[in-house]
PDB file of N, CA and C in Angstrom:
ATOM      1  N   MET A   1     141.570-135.485 159.682  1.00  0.00           N
ATOM      2  CA  MET A   1     142.889-135.391 159.540  1.00  0.00           C
ATOM      3  C   MET A   1     143.044-135.769 157.930  1.00  0.00           C
ATOM      4  N   SER A   2     144.137-135.380 157.623  1.00  0.00           N
ATOM      5  CA  SER A   2     144.401-135.380 156.348  1.00  0.00           C
ATOM      6  C   SER A   2     145.730-136.571 155.878  1.00  0.00           C
ATOM      7  N   SER A   3     145.783-137.168 154.872  1.00  0.00           N
ATOM      8  CA  SER A   3     147.208-137.932 154.736  1.00  0.00           C
ATOM      9  C   SER A   3     148.448-137.253 155.343  1.00  0.00           C
ATOM     10  N   CYS A   4     149.461-137.640 155.028  1.00  0.00           N
ATOM     11  CA  CYS A   4     150.353-136.997 155.961  1.00  0.00           C
ATOM     12  C   CYS A   4     151.181-136.123 154.650  1.00  0.00           C
ATOM     13  N   ARG A   5     151.252-134.982 155.228  1.00  0.00           N
ATOM     14  CA  ARG A   5     152.041-133.960 154.391  1.00  0.00           C
ATOM     15  C   ARG A   5     153.557-133.476 154.479  1.00  0.00           C
ATOM     16  N   LEU A   6     153.717-133.734 155.608  1.00  0.00           N
ATOM     17  CA  LEU A   6     155.071-133.295 156.201  1.00  0.00           C
ATOM     18  C   LEU A   6     155.742-134.570 157.442  1.00  0.00           C
ATOM     19  N   LEU A   7     156.753-134.831 157.484  1.00  0.00           N
ATOM     20  CA  LEU A   7     157.353-135.735 158.381  1.00  0.00           C
ATOM     21  C   LEU A   7     158.261-135.004 159.259  1.00  0.00           C
ATOM     22  N   LEU A   8     158.246-135.759 160.930  1.00  0.00           N
ATOM     23  CA  LEU A   8     158.834-134.802 161.730  1.00  0.00           C
ATOM     24  C   LEU A   8     160.421-135.999 161.775  1.00  0.00           C
ATOM     25  N   ALA A   9     161.397-135.354 161.577  1.00  0.00           N
ATOM     26  CA  ALA A   9     162.767-136.443 161.878  1.00  0.00           C
ATOM     27  C   ALA A   9     163.059-135.742 162.911  1.00  0.00           C
ATOM     28  N   VAL A  10     163.699-136.723 164.237  1.00  0.00           N
ATOM     29  CA  VAL A  10     164.478-136.475 165.119  1.00  0.00           C
ATOM     30  C   VAL A  10     165.617-137.206 165.132  1.00  0.00           C
ATOM     31  N   THR A  11     166.584-136.127 165.059  1.00  0.00           N
ATOM     32  CA  THR A  11     168.196-136.809 165.241  1.00  0.00           C
ATOM     33  C   THR A  11     169.091-135.777 166.681  1.00  0.00           C
ATOM     34  N   THR A  12     170.453-136.114 166.730  1.00  0.00           N
ATOM     35  CA  THR A  12     170.719-135.575 168.003  1.00  0.00           C
ATOM     36  C   THR A  12     172.364-135.658 167.578  1.00  0.00           C
ATOM     37  N   CYS A  13     173.231-133.930 168.130  1.00  0.00           N
ATOM     38  CA  CYS A  13     174.744-133.774 167.617  1.00  0.00           C
ATOM     39  C   CYS A  13     174.850-133.675 169.087  1.00  0.00           C
ATOM     40  N   ALA A  14     176.373-133.726 168.625  1.00  0.00           N
ATOM     41  CA  ALA A  14     177.125-133.831 170.263  1.00  0.00           C
ATOM     42  C   ALA A  14     177.241-132.509 170.535  1.00  0.00           C
ATOM     43  N   ASP A  15     177.030-131.259 169.715  1.00  0.00           N
ATOM     44  CA  ASP A  15     176.984-129.848 170.433  1.00  0.00           C
ATOM     45  C   ASP A  15     176.147-128.944 169.638  1.00  0.00           C
ATOM     46  N   ALA A  16     175.974-127.765 170.061  1.00  0.00           N
ATOM     47  CA  ALA A  16     175.615-127.118 169.279  1.00  0.00           C
ATOM     48  C   ALA A  16     176.089-126.401 167.767  1.00  0.00           C
ATOM     49  N   SER A  17     177.350-126.595 167.912  1.00  0.00           N
ATOM     50  CA  SER A  17     178.009-126.012 166.595  1.00  0.00           C
ATOM     51  C   SER A  17     177.973-127.258 165.120  1.00  0.00           C
ATOM     52  N   ALA A  18     177.987-128.215 165.755  1.00  0.00           N
ATOM     53  CA  ALA A  18     177.682-129.714 164.955  1.00  0.00           C
ATOM     54  C   ALA A  18     176.073-129.610 164.299  1.00  0.00           C
ATOM     55  N   ALA A  19     175.070-128.864 165.651  1.00  0.00           N
ATOM     56  CA  ALA A  19     174.082-129.260 165.184  1.00  0.00           C
ATOM     57  C   ALA A  19     173.304-127.854 164.103  1.00  0.00           C
ATOM     58  N   GLU A  20     174.123-126.628 164.660  1.00  0.00           N
ATOM     59  CA  GLU A  20     173.703-125.700 163.414  1.00  0.00           C
ATOM     60  C   GLU A  20     174.463-126.226 162.168  1.00  0.00           C
ATOM     61  N   ARG A  21     175.728-126.762 162.229  1.00  0.00           N
ATOM     62  CA  ARG A  21     175.915-127.117 160.409  1.00  0.00           C
ATOM     63  C   ARG A  21     175.380-128.038 160.093  1.00  0.00           C
ATOM     64  N   LEU A  22     174.704-128.727 160.843  1.00  0.00           N
ATOM     65  CA  LEU A  22     173.970-130.109 160.448  1.00  0.00           C
ATOM     66  C   LEU A  22     172.738-129.406 159.749  1.00  0.00           C
ATOM     67  N   ALA A  23     171.788-128.788 160.397  1.00  0.00           N
ATOM     68  CA  ALA A  23     170.535-128.042 160.458  1.00  0.00           C
ATOM     69  C   ALA A  23     170.557-127.142 159.088  1.00  0.00           C
ATOM     70  N   ALA A  24     171.373-126.036 159.173  1.00  0.00           N
ATOM     71  CA  ALA A  24     172.052-125.335 157.664  1.00  0.00           C
ATOM     72  C   ALA A  24     172.285-126.429 156.647  1.00  0.00           C
ATOM     73  N   ALA A  25     172.981-127.270 156.796  1.00  0.00           N
ATOM     74  CA  ALA A  25     173.130-128.053 155.193  1.00  0.00           C
ATOM     75  C   ALA A  25     172.031-128.509 155.037  1.00  0.00           C
ATOM     76  N   LEU A  26     170.965-129.133 155.845  1.00  0.00           N
ATOM     77  CA  LEU A  26     169.842-129.521 155.600  1.00  0.00           C
ATOM     78  C   LEU A  26     168.863-128.714 154.539  1.00  0.00           C
ATOM     79  N   VAL A  27     168.717-127.669 155.634  1.00  0.00           N
ATOM     80  CA  VAL A  27     167.608-126.513 154.820  1.00  0.00           C
ATOM     81  C   VAL A  27     168.578-126.044 153.221  1.00  0.00           C
ATOM     82  N   GLU A  28     169.594-125.814 153.185  1.00  0.00           N
ATOM     83  CA  GLU A  28     170.030-125.326 152.080  1.00  0.00           C
ATOM     84  C   GLU A  28     169.794-126.457 151.128  1.00  0.00           C
ATOM     85  N   ALA A  29     169.996-127.928 151.462  1.00  0.00           N
ATOM     86  CA  ALA A  29     169.923-128.955 150.658  1.00  0.00           C
ATOM     87  C   ALA A  29     168.497-129.177 150.237  1.00  0.00           C
ATOM     88  N   ARG A  30     167.300-128.239 150.710  1.00  0.00           N
ATOM     89  CA  ARG A  30     166.174-128.396 150.459  1.00  0.00           C
ATOM     90  C   ARG A  30     165.312-129.846 150.990  1.00  0.00           C
ATOM     91  N   LEU A  31     166.341-130.405 152.018  1.00  0.00           N
ATOM     92  CA  LEU A  31     165.713-131.452 152.584  1.00  0.00           C
ATOM     93  C   LEU A  31     165.107-131.173 153.799  1.00  0.00           C
ATOM     94  N   ALA A  32     164.812-130.039 154.027  1.00  0.00           N
ATOM     95  CA  ALA A  32     164.274-129.777 155.409  1.00  0.00           C
ATOM     96  C   ALA A  32     163.485-128.050 155.268  1.00  0.00           C
ATOM     97  N   ALA A  33     162.490-128.094 155.538  1.00  0.00           N
ATOM     98  CA  ALA A  33     161.885-126.463 155.521  1.00  0.00           C
ATOM     99  C   ALA A  33     162.313-125.918 156.809  1.00  0.00           C
ATOM    100  N   CYS A  34     162.234-126.285 157.845  1.00  0.00           N
ATOM    101  CA  CYS A  34     163.030-126.039 158.992  1.00  0.00           C
ATOM    102  C   CYS A  34     163.718-126.935 159.693  1.00  0.00           C
ATOM    103  N   VAL A  35     164.585-126.590 160.408  1.00  0.00           N
ATOM    104  CA  VAL A  35     164.999-127.251 161.733  1.00  0.00           C
ATOM    105  C   VAL A  35     165.230-126.686 162.829  1.00  0.00           C
ATOM    106  N   SER A  36     164.594-127.168 163.876  1.00  0.00           N
ATOM    107  CA  SER A  36     164.877-126.847 165.476  1.00  0.00           C
ATOM    108  C   SER A  36     165.731-127.503 166.002  1.00  0.00           C
ATOM    109  N   ILE A  37     166.581-126.592 166.848  1.00  0.00           N
ATOM    110  CA  ILE A  37     167.824-126.856 167.532  1.00  0.00           C
ATOM    111  C   ILE A  37     167.464-126.692 169.090  1.00  0.00           C
ATOM    112  N   SER A  38     167.365-127.921 169.882  1.00  0.00           N
ATOM    113  CA  SER A  38     166.796-127.718 171.271  1.00  0.00           C
ATOM    114  C   SER A  38     167.922-127.206 172.114  1.00  0.00           C
ATOM    115  N   ALA A  39     168.123-126.963 173.476  1.00  0.00           N
ATOM    116  CA  ALA A  39     168.969-126.783 174.710  1.00  0.00           C
ATOM    117  C   ALA A  39     169.310-128.142 174.657  1.00  0.00           C
ATOM    118  N   PRO A  40     170.979-128.361 175.092  1.00  0.00           N
ATOM    119  CA  PRO A  40     171.066-129.586 175.640  1.00  0.00           C
ATOM    120  C   PRO A  40     170.470-130.267 176.326  1.00  0.00           C
ATOM    121  N   VAL A  41     170.804-131.490 176.369  1.00  0.00           N
ATOM    122  CA  VAL A  41     169.828-132.769 176.853  1.00  0.00           C
ATOM    123  C   VAL A  41     170.820-133.862 177.396  1.00  0.00           C
ATOM    124  N   ARG A  42     170.550-134.450 178.240  1.00  0.00           N
ATOM    125  CA  ARG A  42     171.647-135.711 178.743  1.00  0.00           C
ATOM    126  C   ARG A  42     170.874-136.752 178.038  1.00  0.00           C
ATOM    127  N   SER A  43     171.518-137.669 177.335  1.00  0.00           N
ATOM    128  CA  SER A  43     171.348-138.925 176.752  1.00  0.00           C
ATOM    129  C   SER A  43     172.387-140.026 177.869  1.00  0.00           C
ATOM    130  N   VAL A  44     171.284-140.928 177.897  1.00  0.00           N
ATOM    131  CA  VAL A  44     171.875-142.344 178.257  1.00  0.00           C
ATOM    132  C   VAL A  44     171.527-143.269 177.446  1.00  0.00           C
ATOM    133  N   TYR A  45     172.674-144.154 176.925  1.00  0.00           N
ATOM    134  CA  TYR A  45     172.513-145.381 176.188  1.00  0.00           C
ATOM    135  C   TYR A  45     173.972-146.381 176.118  1.00  0.00           C
ATOM    136  N   PRO A  46     173.592-147.344 175.528  1.00  0.00           N
ATOM    137  CA  PRO A  46     174.614-148.192 175.521  1.00  0.00           C
ATOM    138  C   PRO A  46     175.846-148.404 174.375  1.00  0.00           C
ATOM    139  N   TRP A  47     177.039-148.490 174.494  1.00  0.00           N
ATOM    140  CA  TRP A  47     178.053-147.978 173.040  1.00  0.00           C
ATOM    141  C   TRP A  47     178.761-148.512 173.599  1.00  0.00           C
ATOM    142  N   GLN A  48     179.539-149.955 172.858  1.00  0.00           N
ATOM    143  CA  GLN A  48     180.530-150.387 173.011  1.00  0.00           C
ATOM    144  C   GLN A  48     180.837-151.027 174.460  1.00  0.00           C
ATOM    145  N   GLY A  49     179.983-151.610 174.656  1.00  0.00           N
ATOM    146  CA  GLY A  49     180.158-152.235 176.179  1.00  0.00           C
ATOM    147  C   GLY A  49     179.778-151.615 177.166  1.00  0.00           C
ATOM    148  N   ARG A  50     179.604-150.128 177.068  1.00  0.00           N
ATOM    149  CA  ARG A  50     179.396-149.438 178.442  1.00  0.00           C
ATOM    150  C   ARG A  50     178.010-148.558 178.546  1.00  0.00           C
ATOM    151  N   ILE A  51     177.768-148.014 179.490  1.00  0.00           N
ATOM    152  CA  ILE A  51     176.371-146.930 179.514  1.00  0.00           C
ATOM    153  C   ILE A  51     177.171-145.477 179.556  1.00  0.00           C
ATOM    154  N   GLU A  52     176.706-144.971 178.555  1.00  0.00           N
ATOM    155  CA  GLU A  52     177.562-143.554 178.246  1.00  0.00           C
ATOM    156  C   GLU A  52     176.328-142.627 178.969  1.00  0.00           C
ATOM    157  N   VAL A  53     176.581-141.770 179.279  1.00  0.00           N
ATOM    158  CA  VAL A  53     176.030-140.498 179.967  1.00  0.00           C
ATOM    159  C   VAL A  53     176.817-139.456 179.134  1.00  0.00           C
ATOM    160  N   GLU A  54     175.433-138.690 178.032  1.00  0.00           N
ATOM    161  CA  GLU A  54     176.342-137.595 177.367  1.00  0.00           C
ATOM    162  C   GLU A  54     175.385-136.285 177.351  1.00  0.00           C
ATOM    163  N   GLN A  55     175.964-135.058 177.526  1.00  0.00           N
ATOM    164  CA  GLN A  55     174.821-133.989 176.790  1.00  0.00           C
ATOM    165  C   GLN A  55     175.175-134.288 175.246  1.00  0.00           C
ATOM    166  N   GLU A  56     173.946-134.161 174.423  1.00  0.00           N
ATOM    167  CA  GLU A  56     173.451-133.853 173.625  1.00  0.00           C
ATOM    168  C   GLU A  56     172.723-132.842 172.985  1.00  0.00           C
ATOM    169  N   VAL A  57     172.644-132.190 171.453  1.00  0.00           N
ATOM    170  CA  VAL A  57     171.652-131.449 171.048  1.00  0.00           C
ATOM    171  C   VAL A  57     170.831-132.094 170.239  1.00  0.00           C
ATOM    172  N   VAL A  58     169.660-131.949 170.241  1.00  0.00           N
ATOM    173  CA  VAL A  58     168.527-132.556 169.510  1.00  0.00           C
ATOM    174  C   VAL A  58     167.889-131.838 168.381  1.00  0.00           C
ATOM    175  N   LEU A  59     167.791-132.489 167.580  1.00  0.00           N
ATOM    176  CA  LEU A  59     167.294-131.403 166.550  1.00  0.00           C
ATOM    177  C   LEU A  59     166.078-132.039 165.790  1.00  0.00           C
ATOM    178  N   THR A  60     164.991-131.175 165.604  1.00  0.00           N
ATOM    179  CA  THR A  60     163.656-131.690 165.079  1.00  0.00           C
ATOM    180  C   THR A  60     163.730-130.865 163.447  1.00  0.00           C
ATOM    181  N   ILE A  61     163.768-132.309 162.537  1.00  0.00           N
ATOM    182  CA  ILE A  61     163.386-131.854 161.198  1.00  0.00           C
ATOM    183  C   ILE A  61     162.367-131.773 160.581  1.00  0.00           C
ATOM    184  N   LYS A  62     161.523-130.904 159.870  1.00  0.00           N
ATOM    185  CA  LYS A  62     160.563-130.708 159.203  1.00  0.00           C
ATOM    186  C   LYS A  62     161.041-131.144 158.048  1.00  0.00           C
ATOM    187  N   THR A  63     160.272-132.280 157.342  1.00  0.00           N
ATOM    188  CA  THR A  63     160.840-132.491 155.716  1.00  0.00           C
ATOM    189  C   THR A  63     159.466-133.116 155.072  1.00  0.00           C
ATOM    190  N   ALA A  64     159.530-133.277 154.076  1.00  0.00           N
ATOM    191  CA  ALA A  64     158.492-133.397 152.958  1.00  0.00           C
ATOM    192  C   ALA A  64     157.989-135.447 152.976  1.00  0.00           C
ATOM    193  N   PRO A  65     157.655-136.016 152.992  1.00  0.00           N
ATOM    194  CA  PRO A  65     157.402-137.668 152.627  1.00  0.00           C
ATOM    195  C   PRO A  65     158.484-137.652 151.445  1.00  0.00           C
ATOM    196  N   ALA A  66     158.429-136.817 150.283  1.00  0.00           N
ATOM    197  CA  ALA A  66     159.063-137.102 148.925  1.00  0.00           C
ATOM    198  C   ALA A  66     160.920-137.112 149.298  1.00  0.00           C
ATOM    199  N   ARG A  67     161.224-136.245 150.130  1.00  0.00           N
ATOM    200  CA  ARG A  67     162.627-135.920 150.832  1.00  0.00           C
ATOM    201  C   ARG A  67     163.086-137.205 151.533  1.00  0.00           C
ATOM    202  N   ILE A  68     162.292-137.897 152.301  1.00  0.00           N
ATOM    203  CA  ILE A  68     162.939-138.725 153.282  1.00  0.00           C
ATOM    204  C   ILE A  68     163.957-139.544 153.242  1.00  0.00           C
ATOM    205  N   GLU A  69     164.006-140.306 151.672  1.00  0.00           N
ATOM    206  CA  GLU A  69     165.014-141.265 151.745  1.00  0.00           C
ATOM    207  C   GLU A  69     166.417-140.643 150.936  1.00  0.00           C
ATOM    208  N   ALA A  70     166.413-139.055 150.391  1.00  0.00           N
ATOM    209  CA  ALA A  70     167.631-138.470 150.303  1.00  0.00           C
ATOM    210  C   ALA A  70     167.696-137.790 152.077  1.00  0.00           C
ATOM    211  N   LEU A  71     166.921-137.777 152.650  1.00  0.00           N
ATOM    212  CA  LEU A  71     167.524-137.082 153.928  1.00  0.00           C
ATOM    213  C   LEU A  71     168.117-138.231 154.824  1.00  0.00           C
ATOM    214  N   LYS A  72     167.393-139.424 154.860  1.00  0.00           N
ATOM    215  CA  LYS A  72     168.489-140.507 155.245  1.00  0.00           C
ATOM    216  C   LYS A  72     169.435-140.602 155.004  1.00  0.00           C
ATOM    217  N   ARG A  73     169.784-140.649 153.520  1.00  0.00           N
ATOM    218  CA  ARG A  73     170.989-140.516 153.043  1.00  0.00           C
ATOM    219  C   ARG A  73     172.183-139.514 153.543  1.00  0.00           C
ATOM    220  N   PHE A  74     171.752-138.572 153.505  1.00  0.00           N
ATOM    221  CA  PHE A  74     172.316-137.257 153.837  1.00  0.00           C
ATOM    222  C   PHE A  74     172.635-137.295 155.431  1.00  0.00           C
ATOM    223  N   ILE A  75     172.095-137.796 156.031  1.00  0.00           N
ATOM    224  CA  ILE A  75     172.788-137.885 157.662  1.00  0.00           C
ATOM    225  C   ILE A  75     173.386-138.958 157.618  1.00  0.00           C
ATOM    226  N   ALA A  76     173.439-139.988 157.088  1.00  0.00           N
ATOM    227  CA  ALA A  76     174.250-141.460 157.025  1.00  0.00           C
ATOM    228  C   ALA A  76     175.628-140.637 156.361  1.00  0.00           C
ATOM    229  N   GLU A  77     175.802-140.019 155.442  1.00  0.00           N
ATOM    230  CA  GLU A  77     177.005-139.326 154.807  1.00  0.00           C
ATOM    231  C   GLU A  77     177.435-138.219 155.758  1.00  0.00           C
ATOM    232  N   HIS A  78     176.947-137.625 156.168  1.00  0.00           N
ATOM    233  CA  HIS A  78     177.256-135.916 157.084  1.00  0.00           C
ATOM    234  C   HIS A  78     177.195-135.868 158.418  1.00  0.00           C
ATOM    235  N   HIS A  79     176.546-136.774 159.514  1.00  0.00           N
ATOM    236  CA  HIS A  79     176.855-136.711 160.916  1.00  0.00           C
ATOM    237  C   HIS A  79     177.650-137.263 160.999  1.00  0.00           C
ATOM    238  N   ASP A  80     178.288-136.450 162.303  1.00  0.00           N
ATOM    239  CA  ASP A  80     179.234-136.804 162.600  1.00  0.00           C
ATOM    240  C   ASP A  80     179.441-138.328 163.520  1.00  0.00           C
ATOM    241  N   TYR A  81     178.199-138.547 164.094  1.00  0.00           N
ATOM    242  CA  TYR A  81     178.172-139.900 164.375  1.00  0.00           C
ATOM    243  C   TYR A  81     178.602-141.243 163.384  1.00  0.00           C
ATOM    244  N   ASP A  82     179.097-141.956 164.451  1.00  0.00           N
ATOM    245  CA  ASP A  82     179.397-143.634 163.504  1.00  0.00           C
ATOM    246  C   ASP A  82     178.026-144.071 163.334  1.00  0.00           C
ATOM    247  N   VAL A  83     176.496-143.696 164.566  1.00  0.00           N
ATOM    248  CA  VAL A  83     175.064-144.539 164.316  1.00  0.00           C
ATOM    249  C   VAL A  83     174.694-143.391 164.669  1.00  0.00           C
ATOM    250  N   PRO A  84     174.163-142.341 163.628  1.00  0.00           N
ATOM    251  CA  PRO A  84     173.387-141.450 164.086  1.00  0.00           C
ATOM    252  C   PRO A  84     171.986-142.001 164.099  1.00  0.00           C
ATOM    253  N   GLU A  85     171.138-141.506 165.055  1.00  0.00           N
ATOM    254  CA  GLU A  85     169.909-141.241 165.771  1.00  0.00           C
ATOM    255  C   GLU A  85     169.119-140.517 164.466  1.00  0.00           C
ATOM    256  N   LEU A  86     168.107-141.423 164.023  1.00  0.00           N
ATOM    257  CA  LEU A  86     167.116-140.471 163.014  1.00  0.00           C
ATOM    258  C   LEU A  86     165.992-141.648 162.763  1.00  0.00           C
ATOM    259  N   LEU A  87     165.021-140.494 163.650  1.00  0.00           N
ATOM    260  CA  LEU A  87     163.515-141.123 164.320  1.00  0.00           C
ATOM    261  C   LEU A  87     162.680-140.272 163.277  1.00  0.00           C
ATOM    262  N   ILE A  88     161.445-140.661 162.948  1.00  0.00           N
ATOM    263  CA  ILE A  88     160.730-140.214 161.487  1.00  0.00           C
ATOM    264  C   ILE A  88     159.309-140.555 162.117  1.00  0.00           C
ATOM    265  N   SER A  89     158.664-139.651 162.176  1.00  0.00           N
ATOM    266  CA  SER A  89     157.130-139.248 162.389  1.00  0.00           C
ATOM    267  C   SER A  89     156.287-138.872 161.586  1.00  0.00           C
ATOM    268  N   PRO A  90     154.954-139.184 161.401  1.00  0.00           N
ATOM    269  CA  PRO A  90     154.207-138.416 160.363  1.00  0.00           C
ATOM    270  C   PRO A  90     153.605-137.278 160.906  1.00  0.00           C
ATOM    271  N   VAL A  91     153.367-136.391 160.375  1.00  0.00           N
ATOM    272  CA  VAL A  91     152.690-135.456 160.591  1.00  0.00           C
ATOM    273  C   VAL A  91     151.056-135.193 159.724  1.00  0.00           C
ATOM    274  N   THR A  92     149.811-135.584 160.520  1.00  0.00           N
ATOM    275  CA  THR A  92     148.960-135.832 159.592  1.00  0.00           C
ATOM    276  C   THR A  92     147.777-134.273 159.486  1.00  0.00           C
ATOM    277  N   ASP A  93     148.128-133.441 160.582  1.00  0.00           N
ATOM    278  CA  ASP A  93     147.642-132.791 160.460  1.00  0.00           C
ATOM    279  C   ASP A  93     148.217-131.198 161.305  1.00  0.00           C
ATOM    280  N   GLY A  94     147.778-130.407 160.961  1.00  0.00           N
ATOM    281  CA  GLY A  94     148.699-129.087 161.509  1.00  0.00           C
ATOM    282  C   GLY A  94     148.081-127.564 160.811  1.00  0.00           C
ATOM    283  N   ALA A  95     148.501-126.542 160.975  1.00  0.00           N
ATOM    284  CA  ALA A  95     148.260-125.213 160.457  1.00  0.00           C
ATOM    285  C   ALA A  95     148.449-125.544 158.972  1.00  0.00           C
ATOM    286  N   GLU A  96     147.600-125.235 158.444  1.00  0.00           N
ATOM    287  CA  GLU A  96     147.485-125.171 156.782  1.00  0.00           C
ATOM    288  C   GLU A  96     148.611-124.190 155.898  1.00  0.00           C
ATOM    289  N   ALA A  97     148.713-123.358 156.541  1.00  0.00           N
ATOM    290  CA  ALA A  97     149.536-121.764 156.202  1.00  0.00           C
ATOM    291  C   ALA A  97     151.216-122.755 156.297  1.00  0.00           C
ATOM    292  N   TYR A  98     151.243-123.317 157.549  1.00  0.00           N
ATOM    293  CA  TYR A  98     152.595-123.765 157.748  1.00  0.00           C
ATOM    294  C   TYR A  98     152.977-124.943 156.831  1.00  0.00           C
ATOM    295  N   LEU A  99     151.912-126.229 156.938  1.00  0.00           N
ATOM    296  CA  LEU A  99     152.116-127.178 155.915  1.00  0.00           C
ATOM    297  C   LEU A  99     152.456-126.576 154.503  1.00  0.00           C
ATOM    298  N   GLN A 100     151.654-125.965 153.752  1.00  0.00           N
ATOM    299  CA  GLN A 100     151.790-125.085 152.494  1.00  0.00           C
ATOM    300  C   GLN A 100     153.245-124.372 152.464  1.00  0.00           C
ATOM    301  N   TRP A 101     153.577-123.515 153.349  1.00  0.00           N
ATOM    302  CA  TRP A 101     154.895-123.135 153.438  1.00  0.00           C
ATOM    303  C   TRP A 101     156.135-123.974 153.420  1.00  0.00           C
ATOM    304  N   ALA A 102     156.022-125.076 154.110  1.00  0.00           N
ATOM    305  CA  ALA A 102     156.742-125.900 154.073  1.00  0.00           C
ATOM    306  C   ALA A 102     157.049-126.607 152.782  1.00  0.00           C
ATOM    307  N   GLU A 103     155.918-127.230 152.122  1.00  0.00           N
ATOM    308  CA  GLU A 103     155.799-127.794 151.051  1.00  0.00           C
ATOM    309  C   GLU A 103     156.471-127.277 150.082  1.00  0.00           C
ATOM    310  N   ASN A 104     156.195-125.978 149.935  1.00  0.00           N
ATOM    311  CA  ASN A 104     156.644-124.795 149.094  1.00  0.00           C
ATOM    312  C   ASN A 104     158.607-124.698 148.951  1.00  0.00           C
ATOM    313  N   TRP A 105     158.717-124.454 150.156  1.00  0.00           N
ATOM    314  CA  TRP A 105     160.409-124.610 150.093  1.00  0.00           C
ATOM    315  C   TRP A 105     160.687-125.908 149.796  1.00  0.00           C
ATOM    316  N   MET A 106     160.356-126.769 149.997  1.00  0.00           N
ATOM    317  CA  MET A 106     161.017-128.335 149.684  1.00  0.00           C
ATOM    318  C   MET A 106     160.904-128.444 148.243  1.00  0.00           C
ATOM    319  N   THR A 107     159.895-127.873 147.539  1.00  0.00           N
ATOM    320  CA  THR A 107     159.426-128.495 146.189  1.00  0.00           C
ATOM    321  C   THR A 107     159.631-126.999 145.070  1.00  0.00           C
ATOM    322  N   ASN A 108     159.666-125.850 145.513  1.00  0.00           N
ATOM    323  CA  ASN A 108     159.642-124.955 144.505  1.00  0.00           C
ATOM    324  C   ASN A 108     160.956-123.831 144.963  1.00  0.00           C
ATOM    325  N   GLY A 109     160.796-123.659 146.553  1.00  0.00           N
ATOM    326  CA  GLY A 109     162.059-122.527 146.983  1.00  0.00           C
ATOM    327  C   GLY A 109     161.232-121.134 146.391  1.00  0.00           C
TER     328      GLY A 109
END
């Protein structure tokens, strides 16, 4: 396996339209090479003293290590939630053509 060339960041949105807006903005800003939007999921979490059960849409964001701090700021500034979920994992191996394509989009366009 090689060193980390790509990161997967995961966040959730309240609905498909919010997810699509955020995904498009991330790609347009070159903070993501691709954002996959999942089908709705049920999330259970504590919020303001209550246990909430809500339908959400999961976004899987493919980004470059060099873009992660800008992506964190972008999510903090543009996400609809007061406390948006943002979990980040390294990709240490994958299809070389995909890794090159993703790196190229975020660095060269």
